[in-house]
N, C-alpha and C. Protein backbone atom coordinates (compact mmCIF):
# COMPACT_ATOMS: atom_id res chain seq x y z
N MET A 1 -3.39 1.97 -13.40
CA MET A 1 -4.15 1.41 -12.30
C MET A 1 -3.83 -0.06 -12.15
N GLY A 2 -3.91 -0.52 -10.94
CA GLY A 2 -3.62 -1.91 -10.67
C GLY A 2 -4.73 -2.58 -9.90
N GLN A 3 -4.41 -3.71 -9.36
CA GLN A 3 -5.35 -4.53 -8.61
C GLN A 3 -4.69 -4.94 -7.31
N MET A 4 -5.49 -5.09 -6.27
CA MET A 4 -4.99 -5.57 -4.99
C MET A 4 -5.80 -6.79 -4.60
N THR A 5 -5.10 -7.83 -4.16
CA THR A 5 -5.75 -9.05 -3.71
C THR A 5 -5.33 -9.33 -2.28
N LEU A 6 -6.30 -9.56 -1.42
CA LEU A 6 -6.06 -9.96 -0.05
C LEU A 6 -6.42 -11.43 0.07
N ILE A 7 -5.48 -12.23 0.53
CA ILE A 7 -5.75 -13.65 0.73
C ILE A 7 -6.03 -13.86 2.22
N ARG A 8 -7.25 -14.23 2.50
CA ARG A 8 -7.69 -14.44 3.88
C ARG A 8 -7.06 -15.72 4.44
N PRO A 9 -7.05 -15.86 5.77
CA PRO A 9 -6.47 -17.06 6.39
C PRO A 9 -7.08 -18.37 5.90
N ASP A 10 -8.35 -18.35 5.48
CA ASP A 10 -8.98 -19.58 4.99
C ASP A 10 -8.69 -19.84 3.51
N GLY A 11 -7.87 -18.98 2.90
CA GLY A 11 -7.48 -19.16 1.50
C GLY A 11 -8.36 -18.45 0.49
N THR A 12 -9.51 -17.92 0.93
CA THR A 12 -10.36 -17.17 0.00
C THR A 12 -9.75 -15.80 -0.25
N LYS A 13 -10.20 -15.16 -1.31
CA LYS A 13 -9.60 -13.88 -1.72
C LYS A 13 -10.63 -12.76 -1.75
N ALA A 14 -10.15 -11.57 -1.47
CA ALA A 14 -10.90 -10.33 -1.70
C ALA A 14 -10.06 -9.53 -2.69
N GLU A 15 -10.68 -9.01 -3.73
CA GLU A 15 -9.93 -8.29 -4.77
C GLU A 15 -10.55 -6.92 -5.02
N TRP A 16 -9.67 -5.97 -5.31
CA TRP A 16 -10.10 -4.62 -5.61
C TRP A 16 -9.38 -4.12 -6.85
N GLU A 17 -10.11 -3.41 -7.70
CA GLU A 17 -9.54 -2.75 -8.88
C GLU A 17 -9.22 -1.30 -8.52
N ASN A 18 -8.59 -0.60 -9.42
CA ASN A 18 -8.30 0.83 -9.27
C ASN A 18 -7.49 1.15 -8.02
N VAL A 19 -6.43 0.39 -7.83
CA VAL A 19 -5.46 0.63 -6.78
C VAL A 19 -4.17 1.05 -7.49
N THR A 20 -3.47 2.01 -6.95
CA THR A 20 -2.28 2.51 -7.64
C THR A 20 -1.18 2.86 -6.64
N SER A 21 -0.02 3.22 -7.17
CA SER A 21 1.11 3.65 -6.37
C SER A 21 1.94 4.61 -7.22
N GLY A 22 2.62 5.54 -6.59
CA GLY A 22 3.42 6.53 -7.31
C GLY A 22 2.56 7.69 -7.78
N ILE A 23 3.21 8.81 -8.06
CA ILE A 23 2.48 9.97 -8.58
C ILE A 23 2.47 9.92 -10.10
N ALA A 24 1.59 10.68 -10.70
CA ALA A 24 1.47 10.71 -12.16
C ALA A 24 2.84 10.96 -12.78
N GLY A 25 3.18 10.17 -13.80
CA GLY A 25 4.46 10.29 -14.46
C GLY A 25 5.56 9.42 -13.85
N TYR A 26 5.28 8.80 -12.70
CA TYR A 26 6.25 7.95 -12.00
C TYR A 26 5.59 6.64 -11.57
N GLN A 27 4.77 6.07 -12.42
CA GLN A 27 4.03 4.86 -12.05
C GLN A 27 4.50 3.62 -12.79
N SER A 28 5.73 3.64 -13.25
CA SER A 28 6.33 2.47 -13.88
C SER A 28 7.16 1.73 -12.83
N SER A 29 7.29 0.42 -13.00
CA SER A 29 8.08 -0.36 -12.05
C SER A 29 9.53 0.12 -12.00
N THR A 30 10.01 0.76 -13.07
CA THR A 30 11.38 1.28 -13.07
C THR A 30 11.54 2.52 -12.20
N ASP A 31 10.43 3.08 -11.73
CA ASP A 31 10.48 4.28 -10.87
C ASP A 31 10.47 3.95 -9.39
N CYS A 32 10.58 2.66 -9.04
CA CYS A 32 10.35 2.25 -7.66
C CYS A 32 11.34 2.81 -6.63
N TRP A 33 12.52 3.19 -7.02
CA TRP A 33 13.48 3.71 -6.04
C TRP A 33 13.55 5.23 -6.07
N LYS A 34 12.63 5.89 -6.75
CA LYS A 34 12.58 7.36 -6.79
C LYS A 34 11.75 7.84 -5.61
N ARG A 35 12.43 8.27 -4.57
CA ARG A 35 11.78 8.68 -3.33
C ARG A 35 10.82 9.83 -3.55
N GLU A 36 9.71 9.78 -2.83
CA GLU A 36 8.66 10.80 -2.87
C GLU A 36 7.95 10.89 -4.21
N ARG A 37 8.20 9.93 -5.13
CA ARG A 37 7.56 9.98 -6.43
C ARG A 37 7.13 8.60 -6.95
N GLY A 38 8.04 7.65 -6.92
CA GLY A 38 7.82 6.37 -7.58
C GLY A 38 6.91 5.41 -6.85
N VAL A 39 6.61 4.33 -7.55
CA VAL A 39 5.75 3.27 -7.01
C VAL A 39 6.45 2.53 -5.88
N ILE A 40 5.67 1.81 -5.09
CA ILE A 40 6.25 0.98 -4.04
C ILE A 40 7.09 -0.10 -4.73
N PRO A 41 8.26 -0.41 -4.20
CA PRO A 41 9.12 -1.42 -4.83
C PRO A 41 8.47 -2.80 -4.87
N SER A 42 8.74 -3.52 -5.94
CA SER A 42 8.30 -4.91 -6.07
C SER A 42 8.92 -5.75 -4.97
N SER A 43 8.18 -6.74 -4.51
CA SER A 43 8.70 -7.63 -3.46
C SER A 43 10.01 -8.30 -3.87
N MET A 44 10.19 -8.56 -5.16
CA MET A 44 11.41 -9.20 -5.64
C MET A 44 12.63 -8.30 -5.52
N LEU A 45 12.42 -6.99 -5.36
CA LEU A 45 13.53 -6.05 -5.28
C LEU A 45 13.89 -5.67 -3.85
N CYS A 46 13.10 -6.11 -2.89
CA CYS A 46 13.32 -5.73 -1.49
C CYS A 46 14.14 -6.79 -0.77
N ALA A 47 14.95 -6.34 0.16
CA ALA A 47 15.83 -7.23 0.90
C ALA A 47 15.08 -8.10 1.90
N ARG A 48 13.93 -7.64 2.40
CA ARG A 48 13.16 -8.40 3.39
C ARG A 48 11.70 -8.50 2.95
N PRO A 49 11.00 -9.53 3.39
CA PRO A 49 9.56 -9.62 3.11
C PRO A 49 8.82 -8.46 3.77
N THR A 50 7.71 -8.06 3.18
CA THR A 50 6.92 -6.97 3.72
C THR A 50 5.55 -7.47 4.16
N VAL A 51 4.97 -6.74 5.11
CA VAL A 51 3.64 -7.05 5.61
C VAL A 51 2.85 -5.75 5.75
N VAL A 52 1.52 -5.88 5.78
CA VAL A 52 0.63 -4.76 6.08
C VAL A 52 0.03 -5.03 7.45
N MET A 53 0.13 -4.06 8.33
CA MET A 53 -0.45 -4.19 9.66
C MET A 53 -1.96 -4.07 9.55
N THR A 54 -2.70 -4.87 10.31
CA THR A 54 -4.16 -4.87 10.20
C THR A 54 -4.84 -3.83 11.10
N GLN A 55 -4.10 -3.26 12.04
CA GLN A 55 -4.67 -2.21 12.87
C GLN A 55 -4.48 -0.87 12.19
N LYS A 56 -5.57 -0.15 11.97
CA LYS A 56 -5.44 1.13 11.27
C LYS A 56 -4.83 2.18 12.19
N GLN A 57 -4.11 3.09 11.56
CA GLN A 57 -3.43 4.17 12.26
C GLN A 57 -4.03 5.50 11.81
N HIS A 58 -4.13 6.44 12.74
CA HIS A 58 -4.64 7.77 12.39
C HIS A 58 -3.58 8.52 11.59
N SER A 59 -4.04 9.26 10.60
CA SER A 59 -3.13 10.02 9.75
C SER A 59 -3.24 11.52 10.04
N ASP A 60 -2.10 12.18 10.04
CA ASP A 60 -2.09 13.64 10.18
C ASP A 60 -2.16 14.33 8.83
N LEU A 61 -2.09 13.57 7.76
CA LEU A 61 -2.10 14.13 6.40
C LEU A 61 -3.49 13.94 5.78
N PHE A 62 -4.51 14.42 6.47
CA PHE A 62 -5.89 14.14 6.11
C PHE A 62 -6.24 14.50 4.66
N GLN A 63 -5.77 15.63 4.16
CA GLN A 63 -6.15 16.06 2.81
C GLN A 63 -5.64 15.12 1.73
N ALA A 64 -4.48 14.54 1.91
CA ALA A 64 -3.91 13.65 0.89
C ALA A 64 -4.22 12.18 1.16
N VAL A 65 -4.23 11.79 2.42
CA VAL A 65 -4.28 10.39 2.80
C VAL A 65 -5.67 9.97 3.28
N GLY A 66 -6.45 10.90 3.77
CA GLY A 66 -7.68 10.54 4.45
C GLY A 66 -7.36 10.39 5.93
N GLU A 67 -8.33 9.95 6.71
CA GLU A 67 -8.14 9.92 8.15
C GLU A 67 -7.34 8.72 8.63
N TRP A 68 -7.37 7.60 7.89
CA TRP A 68 -6.75 6.36 8.36
C TRP A 68 -5.81 5.76 7.33
N LEU A 69 -4.85 4.99 7.83
CA LEU A 69 -3.94 4.25 6.95
C LEU A 69 -3.51 2.97 7.63
N TYR A 70 -2.94 2.07 6.83
CA TYR A 70 -2.41 0.80 7.33
C TYR A 70 -0.93 0.76 6.98
N THR A 71 -0.10 0.68 8.00
CA THR A 71 1.34 0.75 7.85
C THR A 71 1.89 -0.50 7.18
N ILE A 72 2.85 -0.29 6.29
CA ILE A 72 3.61 -1.38 5.67
C ILE A 72 4.92 -1.51 6.43
N TRP A 73 5.24 -2.75 6.87
CA TRP A 73 6.48 -3.01 7.59
C TRP A 73 7.37 -3.93 6.79
N PRO A 74 8.66 -3.84 6.85
CA PRO A 74 9.36 -2.85 7.67
C PRO A 74 9.15 -1.45 7.11
N THR A 75 9.31 -0.46 7.96
CA THR A 75 9.08 0.92 7.52
C THR A 75 10.15 1.37 6.54
N ASN A 76 11.32 0.77 6.58
CA ASN A 76 12.37 1.04 5.59
C ASN A 76 12.45 -0.13 4.63
N LEU A 77 12.12 0.09 3.38
CA LEU A 77 12.21 -0.95 2.35
C LEU A 77 13.54 -0.78 1.62
N TRP A 78 14.47 -1.66 1.91
CA TRP A 78 15.81 -1.60 1.32
C TRP A 78 15.87 -2.41 0.04
N SER A 79 16.67 -1.93 -0.89
CA SER A 79 16.94 -2.70 -2.11
C SER A 79 17.77 -3.93 -1.73
N ASN A 80 17.75 -4.95 -2.58
CA ASN A 80 18.51 -6.17 -2.31
C ASN A 80 19.99 -5.90 -2.09
N ASP A 81 20.53 -4.89 -2.77
CA ASP A 81 21.96 -4.59 -2.60
C ASP A 81 22.22 -3.62 -1.44
N GLN A 82 21.17 -3.28 -0.70
CA GLN A 82 21.26 -2.43 0.49
C GLN A 82 21.76 -1.02 0.21
N THR A 83 21.61 -0.53 -1.02
CA THR A 83 22.10 0.80 -1.34
C THR A 83 21.01 1.86 -1.40
N THR A 84 19.76 1.44 -1.51
CA THR A 84 18.66 2.39 -1.66
C THR A 84 17.54 2.02 -0.71
N VAL A 85 16.87 3.03 -0.16
CA VAL A 85 15.78 2.79 0.78
C VAL A 85 14.57 3.65 0.42
N ARG A 86 13.38 3.08 0.63
CA ARG A 86 12.12 3.83 0.58
C ARG A 86 11.55 3.77 1.99
N LYS A 87 10.98 4.87 2.46
CA LYS A 87 10.52 4.94 3.84
C LYS A 87 9.04 5.27 3.95
N SER A 88 8.46 4.83 5.05
CA SER A 88 7.11 5.22 5.47
C SER A 88 6.03 4.91 4.45
N CYS A 89 6.00 3.71 3.92
CA CYS A 89 4.96 3.31 2.98
C CYS A 89 3.75 2.80 3.76
N ALA A 90 2.58 2.95 3.15
CA ALA A 90 1.33 2.52 3.79
C ALA A 90 0.30 2.22 2.72
N VAL A 91 -0.84 1.71 3.16
CA VAL A 91 -2.01 1.52 2.30
C VAL A 91 -3.04 2.52 2.80
N HIS A 92 -3.60 3.32 1.89
CA HIS A 92 -4.59 4.32 2.31
C HIS A 92 -5.45 4.77 1.14
N LEU A 93 -6.45 5.57 1.45
CA LEU A 93 -7.30 6.17 0.45
C LEU A 93 -6.54 7.29 -0.24
N ASP A 94 -6.71 7.43 -1.53
CA ASP A 94 -6.15 8.57 -2.27
C ASP A 94 -7.16 9.71 -2.12
N ALA A 95 -7.08 10.41 -1.00
CA ALA A 95 -8.10 11.40 -0.63
C ALA A 95 -8.14 12.62 -1.55
N ASN A 96 -7.06 12.88 -2.27
CA ASN A 96 -7.06 14.03 -3.19
C ASN A 96 -6.94 13.56 -4.64
N PHE A 97 -7.53 12.42 -4.95
CA PHE A 97 -7.44 11.82 -6.28
C PHE A 97 -7.92 12.78 -7.38
N ASP A 98 -8.97 13.55 -7.12
CA ASP A 98 -9.51 14.44 -8.15
C ASP A 98 -8.57 15.57 -8.53
N THR A 99 -7.73 16.02 -7.61
CA THR A 99 -6.84 17.14 -7.89
C THR A 99 -5.38 16.75 -8.05
N SER A 100 -4.96 15.67 -7.39
CA SER A 100 -3.55 15.27 -7.43
C SER A 100 -3.46 13.76 -7.25
N PRO A 101 -3.81 12.99 -8.30
CA PRO A 101 -3.87 11.53 -8.15
C PRO A 101 -2.51 10.90 -7.92
N GLY A 102 -2.54 9.77 -7.20
CA GLY A 102 -1.31 9.01 -6.96
C GLY A 102 -0.82 9.17 -5.54
N SER A 103 0.37 8.63 -5.29
CA SER A 103 0.95 8.68 -3.95
C SER A 103 2.47 8.75 -4.07
N SER A 104 3.11 9.01 -2.96
CA SER A 104 4.57 9.08 -2.93
C SER A 104 5.17 7.73 -2.59
N GLY A 105 4.60 6.67 -3.12
CA GLY A 105 5.14 5.33 -2.89
C GLY A 105 4.23 4.43 -2.09
N CYS A 106 3.16 4.97 -1.57
CA CYS A 106 2.19 4.14 -0.86
C CYS A 106 1.31 3.40 -1.87
N ILE A 107 0.52 2.48 -1.38
CA ILE A 107 -0.51 1.83 -2.19
C ILE A 107 -1.80 2.56 -1.86
N VAL A 108 -2.47 3.10 -2.88
CA VAL A 108 -3.67 3.89 -2.62
C VAL A 108 -4.89 3.37 -3.37
N PHE A 109 -6.02 3.47 -2.70
CA PHE A 109 -7.32 3.17 -3.29
C PHE A 109 -7.88 4.46 -3.87
N THR A 110 -8.33 4.41 -5.12
CA THR A 110 -8.84 5.61 -5.77
C THR A 110 -10.34 5.79 -5.60
N ARG A 111 -11.02 4.77 -5.07
CA ARG A 111 -12.47 4.85 -4.87
C ARG A 111 -12.80 4.57 -3.41
N GLU A 112 -13.65 5.43 -2.84
CA GLU A 112 -14.00 5.29 -1.43
C GLU A 112 -14.72 3.99 -1.13
N VAL A 113 -15.55 3.52 -2.04
CA VAL A 113 -16.28 2.28 -1.79
C VAL A 113 -15.30 1.10 -1.66
N SER A 114 -14.30 1.05 -2.49
CA SER A 114 -13.28 -0.01 -2.40
C SER A 114 -12.48 0.13 -1.11
N TRP A 115 -12.14 1.35 -0.76
CA TRP A 115 -11.40 1.60 0.48
C TRP A 115 -12.21 1.12 1.68
N SER A 116 -13.50 1.41 1.69
CA SER A 116 -14.38 0.99 2.78
C SER A 116 -14.41 -0.54 2.89
N GLU A 117 -14.47 -1.23 1.75
CA GLU A 117 -14.45 -2.69 1.76
C GLU A 117 -13.12 -3.22 2.32
N PHE A 118 -12.02 -2.59 1.91
CA PHE A 118 -10.70 -2.98 2.42
C PHE A 118 -10.63 -2.79 3.93
N GLU A 119 -11.13 -1.65 4.42
CA GLU A 119 -11.13 -1.39 5.86
C GLU A 119 -11.91 -2.47 6.62
N LYS A 120 -13.04 -2.89 6.08
CA LYS A 120 -13.84 -3.95 6.73
C LYS A 120 -13.06 -5.26 6.79
N GLU A 121 -12.37 -5.59 5.71
CA GLU A 121 -11.55 -6.81 5.69
C GLU A 121 -10.45 -6.74 6.75
N MET A 122 -9.76 -5.62 6.81
CA MET A 122 -8.67 -5.47 7.78
C MET A 122 -9.20 -5.49 9.21
N ALA A 123 -10.35 -4.87 9.45
CA ALA A 123 -10.94 -4.87 10.79
C ALA A 123 -11.31 -6.29 11.22
N ALA A 124 -11.83 -7.09 10.30
CA ALA A 124 -12.17 -8.48 10.61
C ALA A 124 -10.92 -9.28 10.96
N LEU A 125 -9.84 -9.06 10.22
CA LEU A 125 -8.60 -9.76 10.52
C LEU A 125 -8.06 -9.35 11.89
N TYR A 126 -8.08 -8.05 12.15
CA TYR A 126 -7.58 -7.55 13.44
C TYR A 126 -8.42 -8.11 14.59
N ALA A 127 -9.75 -8.14 14.42
CA ALA A 127 -10.65 -8.66 15.45
C ALA A 127 -10.40 -10.15 15.69
N ALA A 128 -9.93 -10.86 14.67
CA ALA A 128 -9.63 -12.28 14.79
C ALA A 128 -8.25 -12.54 15.39
N GLY A 129 -7.56 -11.46 15.77
CA GLY A 129 -6.24 -11.61 16.39
C GLY A 129 -5.09 -11.68 15.40
N ILE A 130 -5.35 -11.34 14.15
CA ILE A 130 -4.29 -11.34 13.13
C ILE A 130 -3.75 -9.92 13.03
N ASP A 131 -2.48 -9.73 13.37
CA ASP A 131 -1.88 -8.41 13.43
C ASP A 131 -1.30 -7.93 12.10
N GLU A 132 -0.98 -8.87 11.22
CA GLU A 132 -0.34 -8.49 9.96
C GLU A 132 -0.69 -9.47 8.86
N CYS A 133 -0.62 -8.95 7.62
CA CYS A 133 -0.87 -9.77 6.42
C CYS A 133 0.37 -9.68 5.54
N PRO A 134 0.82 -10.80 4.98
CA PRO A 134 1.94 -10.73 4.05
C PRO A 134 1.58 -9.82 2.87
N LEU A 135 2.55 -9.07 2.39
CA LEU A 135 2.34 -8.19 1.25
C LEU A 135 3.31 -8.60 0.14
N GLU A 136 2.75 -8.88 -1.01
CA GLU A 136 3.58 -9.19 -2.17
C GLU A 136 3.22 -8.20 -3.26
N VAL A 137 4.18 -7.40 -3.67
CA VAL A 137 3.98 -6.40 -4.71
C VAL A 137 4.58 -6.95 -6.00
N LEU A 138 3.73 -7.08 -7.01
CA LEU A 138 4.16 -7.61 -8.32
C LEU A 138 3.76 -6.62 -9.41
N TYR A 139 4.58 -6.53 -10.42
CA TYR A 139 4.26 -5.73 -11.60
C TYR A 139 4.23 -6.67 -12.79
N VAL A 140 3.11 -6.69 -13.50
CA VAL A 140 2.96 -7.59 -14.65
C VAL A 140 2.72 -6.79 -15.92
């Protein structure tokens, strides 16, 4: 399990525990380029900076993702050497955490209360005219 920190435009932070990426058995930083299994790649390994869009998008994968998600851009995360790509990453609720925890490379919230708090933060940013937030993925 990891932690997610959102830095608001005024410099204050919102933090959440119990955030994860990758499916069980593939949650090490060394698994980041394993498509459909590994964690989202660290920002240091990606060729371009990444952002999270603040407008939520409807999901068709309700059982696994929940009803809403926040897209990570660019949609193709390329390795620095441009040889490997991860696609379609997002931030969302781990809707099937009890039966199949983890994600195929997205960042997921394992608790609904934390997810609800994150959604409120993103809605406030979107209402303030902020379309995207910088995303920095670090493994410590």
